[in-house]
Protein backbone atom coordinates (compact mmCIF):
# COMPACT_ATOMS: atom_id res chain seq x y z
CA MET A 1 -25.52 -2.54 -16.68
CA SER A 2 -24.69 -6.20 -17.03
CA VAL A 3 -21.31 -7.72 -16.42
CA THR A 4 -20.19 -10.38 -18.85
CA PRO A 5 -16.91 -12.30 -18.98
CA THR A 6 -15.71 -9.95 -21.72
CA ASP A 7 -16.37 -6.86 -19.55
CA SER A 8 -13.97 -7.76 -16.77
CA PRO A 9 -11.81 -10.66 -15.65
CA ILE A 10 -13.34 -12.88 -12.98
CA HIS A 11 -11.23 -13.35 -9.87
CA PRO A 12 -11.86 -16.22 -7.51
CA PHE A 13 -13.56 -15.28 -4.26
CA LEU A 14 -12.67 -16.83 -0.92
CA THR A 15 -14.69 -17.27 2.25
CA PRO A 16 -13.36 -16.02 5.60
CA LYS A 17 -12.85 -19.68 6.55
CA GLU A 18 -10.70 -20.31 3.47
CA VAL A 19 -8.65 -17.18 4.18
CA SER A 20 -8.16 -18.28 7.80
CA ARG A 21 -6.86 -21.66 6.63
CA LEU A 22 -4.49 -20.05 4.12
CA LEU A 23 -3.07 -17.62 6.68
CA GLN A 24 -3.25 -20.06 9.61
CA VAL A 25 -5.23 -17.66 11.78
CA SER A 26 -8.63 -17.90 13.40
CA VAL A 27 -11.72 -17.23 11.30
CA TYR A 28 -12.63 -14.70 14.01
CA THR A 29 -9.40 -12.83 13.26
CA VAL A 30 -10.31 -12.66 9.56
CA ARG A 31 -13.80 -11.42 10.41
CA ARG A 32 -12.31 -8.79 12.75
CA TRP A 33 -9.99 -7.57 9.97
CA ILE A 34 -13.04 -7.29 7.68
CA ASN A 35 -15.20 -5.52 10.27
CA GLU A 36 -12.39 -3.07 11.10
CA GLY A 37 -11.92 -2.30 7.40
CA GLU A 38 -8.40 -3.68 7.29
CA LEU A 39 -9.12 -6.52 4.85
CA PRO A 40 -11.19 -5.61 1.77
CA ALA A 41 -14.27 -7.83 1.41
CA TYR A 42 -17.70 -7.94 -0.20
CA LYS A 43 -20.89 -8.72 1.66
CA VAL A 44 -23.15 -10.92 -0.46
CA GLY A 45 -26.42 -11.25 1.40
CA ARG A 46 -25.33 -12.33 4.87
CA LEU A 47 -22.02 -13.82 3.69
CA TRP A 48 -18.58 -12.26 3.31
CA ARG A 49 -16.39 -12.92 0.27
CA ILE A 50 -12.78 -11.86 -0.25
CA ASP A 51 -11.39 -11.34 -3.74
CA GLU A 52 -8.18 -13.33 -4.13
CA ALA A 53 -6.46 -10.36 -5.81
CA ASP A 54 -7.50 -8.07 -2.92
CA LEU A 55 -6.12 -10.61 -0.43
CA ASN A 56 -2.78 -10.76 -2.26
CA ASN A 57 -2.54 -6.95 -2.40
CA TRP A 58 -3.42 -6.71 1.29
CA LEU A 59 -0.80 -9.32 2.17
CA HIS A 60 1.91 -7.45 0.26
CA GLY A 61 1.02 -4.34 2.28
CA GLN A 62 1.50 -6.30 5.52
CA ARG A 63 5.07 -7.28 4.65
CA ILE A 64 7.73 -6.06 7.06
CA THR A 65 10.79 -4.94 5.15
CA GLU A 66 12.90 -3.71 8.05
CA VAL A 67 13.20 -5.13 11.53
CA ARG A 68 14.25 -2.76 14.28
């Protein structure tokens, strides 16, 4: 099965370093979230990649709506 641009939309992928810069956290924190299964990511060879749409969905799930 081949994937072509007409089969599915292409979302930009981010590196853990790019995510850490965006969220202003350590790259080690991003890697921990990935290793613990908290942040969805893809392993491509030895490298991790995070789909921008997955990151946005994950961030919306982290939102605190009520402070006690």
